[in-house]
Amino acid sequence: MSAEVITILSALGGFELIKWAVDMLVNRKHKKKVLQLEESKKELEILKETEAIKEEKVERIERHKEEQIEQVERLISLYEKELTRLRESNEKDLQRLRECNEKKELKIENLYKMLRVEQSERHTAELEVKSKEKELAEAVLRKCNVRGCTQRTPPSEF
């Protein structure tokens, strides 16, 4: 019985071999094309995935560029506002400093006027003192030293 089982199994196996060989001969070109198509399909899927990844990267790059542009525009706007504020502040400070400087110059001029008036008064006072000293010196020279003199008049022109 075992020989019969082996014969039956080998007959079935041989039949499968014949079937496989005929299928191979008949469908060889078709299977080759199917294989090529499957490979092409896989390559196409890979290319589509790669293209999708590239497009996604390009979109991310574009979004990033747009975000950067918006950020730069915001910064420029902020800097322009700050620059305007600083200019206005500087103009106000400059005007205030000019006003202070004008006030100081007026004070200095007034002080110089007061100094000149004071110097003029002092000079006048010194001249008066000198003239009084001169008159005193002349009076001392003309003084009569005789006591009890009935003709007491100051002497004139020695």
Protein backbone atom coordinates (compact mmCIF):
# COMPACT_ATOMS: atom_id res chain seq x y z
CA MET A 1 0.00 0.00 0.00
CA SER A 2 2.81 2.38 0.64
CA ALA A 3 4.07 1.97 -2.90
CA GLU A 4 0.65 2.84 -4.21
CA VAL A 5 0.51 5.96 -2.01
CA ILE A 6 3.92 7.03 -3.23
CA THR A 7 2.87 6.41 -6.83
CA ILE A 8 -0.31 8.40 -6.39
CA LEU A 9 1.54 11.25 -4.67
CA SER A 10 4.24 11.33 -7.34
CA ALA A 11 1.58 11.20 -10.05
CA LEU A 12 -0.15 14.15 -8.46
CA GLY A 13 3.19 15.91 -8.03
CA GLY A 14 4.18 15.15 -11.59
CA PHE A 15 0.83 16.44 -12.76
CA GLU A 16 1.42 19.67 -10.82
CA LEU A 17 4.87 19.93 -12.38
CA ILE A 18 3.42 19.54 -15.87
CA LYS A 19 0.73 22.08 -15.04
CA TRP A 20 3.33 24.52 -13.74
CA ALA A 21 5.58 24.01 -16.79
CA VAL A 22 2.69 24.61 -19.25
CA ASP A 23 1.53 27.64 -17.28
CA MET A 24 5.10 28.97 -17.30
CA LEU A 25 5.46 28.51 -21.08
CA VAL A 26 2.07 29.95 -21.94
CA ASN A 27 1.90 32.82 -19.45
CA ARG A 28 5.60 33.64 -19.32
CA LYS A 29 5.35 36.97 -21.19
CA HIS A 30 2.10 37.87 -19.44
CA LYS A 31 3.57 37.20 -15.99
CA LYS A 32 6.67 39.16 -16.93
CA LYS A 33 4.50 42.14 -17.95
CA VAL A 34 2.41 41.80 -14.79
CA LEU A 35 5.61 41.80 -12.73
CA GLN A 36 6.89 44.84 -14.60
CA LEU A 37 3.56 46.58 -14.11
CA GLU A 38 3.60 45.80 -10.40
CA GLU A 39 7.15 47.14 -10.15
CA SER A 40 6.16 50.25 -12.14
CA LYS A 41 3.13 50.66 -9.87
CA LYS A 42 5.37 50.47 -6.78
CA GLU A 43 7.82 52.95 -8.32
CA LEU A 44 4.92 55.26 -9.20
CA GLU A 45 3.61 55.06 -5.62
CA ILE A 46 7.09 55.81 -4.30
CA LEU A 47 7.38 58.76 -6.72
CA LYS A 48 3.94 60.02 -5.69
CA GLU A 49 4.90 59.76 -2.01
CA THR A 50 8.19 61.52 -2.73
CA GLU A 51 6.37 64.21 -4.71
CA ALA A 52 3.84 64.63 -1.90
CA ILE A 53 6.67 64.95 0.62
CA LYS A 54 8.40 67.52 -1.62
CA GLU A 55 5.17 69.49 -2.03
CA GLU A 56 4.62 69.39 1.73
CA LYS A 57 8.15 70.65 2.29
CA VAL A 58 7.64 73.41 -0.28
CA GLU A 59 4.37 74.40 1.41
CA ARG A 60 6.06 74.45 4.81
CA ILE A 61 8.89 76.53 3.38
CA GLU A 62 6.40 78.95 1.79
CA ARG A 63 4.43 79.23 5.05
CA HIS A 64 7.67 79.78 6.94
CA LYS A 65 8.69 82.48 4.46
CA GLU A 66 5.30 84.15 4.79
CA GLU A 67 5.54 84.01 8.58
CA GLN A 68 9.03 85.49 8.44
CA ILE A 69 7.86 88.24 6.09
CA GLU A 70 4.95 89.04 8.41
CA GLN A 71 7.28 89.05 11.40
CA VAL A 72 9.75 91.33 9.62
CA GLU A 73 6.91 93.66 8.60
CA ARG A 74 5.68 93.75 12.21
CA LEU A 75 9.20 94.51 13.41
CA ILE A 76 9.60 97.23 10.80
CA SER A 77 6.29 98.73 11.89
CA LEU A 78 7.34 98.61 15.54
CA TYR A 79 10.74 100.13 14.75
CA GLU A 80 9.11 102.90 12.70
CA LYS A 81 6.74 103.69 15.58
CA GLU A 82 9.62 103.67 18.06
CA LEU A 83 11.74 105.83 15.76
CA THR A 84 8.87 108.31 15.39
CA ARG A 85 8.37 108.36 19.16
CA LEU A 86 12.09 108.92 19.73
CA ARG A 87 12.21 111.71 17.16
CA GLU A 88 9.27 113.45 18.78
CA SER A 89 10.81 112.97 22.20
CA ASN A 90 14.16 114.30 20.97
CA GLU A 91 12.44 117.31 19.40
CA LYS A 92 10.63 118.03 22.66
CA ASP A 93 13.86 117.61 24.64
CA LEU A 94 15.71 119.83 22.18
CA GLN A 95 13.02 122.52 22.43
CA ARG A 96 13.08 122.30 26.23
CA LEU A 97 16.89 122.56 26.24
CA ARG A 98 16.74 125.57 23.92
CA GLU A 99 14.24 127.26 26.21
CA CYS A 100 16.41 126.51 29.25
CA ASN A 101 19.47 127.78 27.39
CA GLU A 102 17.65 131.00 26.46
CA LYS A 103 16.60 131.48 30.10
CA LYS A 104 20.17 130.91 31.25
CA GLU A 105 21.50 133.36 28.68
CA LEU A 106 18.97 135.97 29.83
CA LYS A 107 20.00 135.38 33.44
CA ILE A 108 23.66 135.70 32.49
CA GLU A 109 22.95 138.93 30.59
CA ASN A 110 21.02 140.30 33.56
CA LEU A 111 23.86 139.32 35.88
CA TYR A 112 26.36 141.09 33.62
CA LYS A 113 24.12 144.18 33.53
CA MET A 114 23.88 144.11 37.31
CA LEU A 115 27.67 143.64 37.50
CA ARG A 116 28.24 146.63 35.19
CA VAL A 117 25.80 148.75 37.20
CA GLU A 118 27.51 147.64 40.42
CA GLN A 119 30.94 148.36 38.91
CA SER A 120 29.74 151.74 37.69
CA GLU A 121 28.32 152.57 41.13
CA ARG A 122 31.50 151.38 42.78
CA HIS A 123 33.61 153.44 40.40
CA THR A 124 31.43 156.47 41.07
CA ALA A 125 31.69 155.85 44.80
CA GLU A 126 35.48 155.48 44.54
CA LEU A 127 35.66 158.75 42.60
CA GLU A 128 33.56 160.47 45.26
CA VAL A 129 35.77 159.01 48.00
CA LYS A 130 38.87 160.19 46.17
CA SER A 131 37.43 163.66 45.65
CA LYS A 132 36.39 163.78 49.34
CA GLU A 133 39.88 162.61 50.34
CA LYS A 134 41.33 165.32 48.14
CA GLU A 135 39.04 167.93 49.68
CA LEU A 136 39.99 166.65 53.14
CA ALA A 137 43.67 166.84 52.27
CA GLU A 138 43.19 170.38 51.01
CA ALA A 139 41.20 171.28 54.11
CA VAL A 140 43.97 169.87 56.32
CA LEU A 141 46.49 171.99 54.46
CA ARG A 142 44.42 175.14 54.79
CA LYS A 143 43.59 174.63 58.42
CA CYS A 144 44.48 177.45 60.75
CA ASN A 145 46.29 176.18 63.82
CA VAL A 146 46.23 179.39 65.81
CA ARG A 147 43.98 179.18 68.85
CA GLY A 148 41.81 181.98 69.81
CA CYS A 149 42.65 183.91 66.72
CA THR A 150 40.17 186.67 66.07
CA GLN A 151 40.84 186.61 62.42
CA ARG A 152 40.21 182.96 61.99
CA THR A 153 39.68 182.35 58.34
CA PRO A 154 41.10 179.42 56.65
CA PRO A 155 44.28 180.30 54.89
CA SER A 156 44.09 180.17 51.17
CA GLU A 157 46.62 179.26 48.56
CA PHE A 158 49.86 178.78 50.46
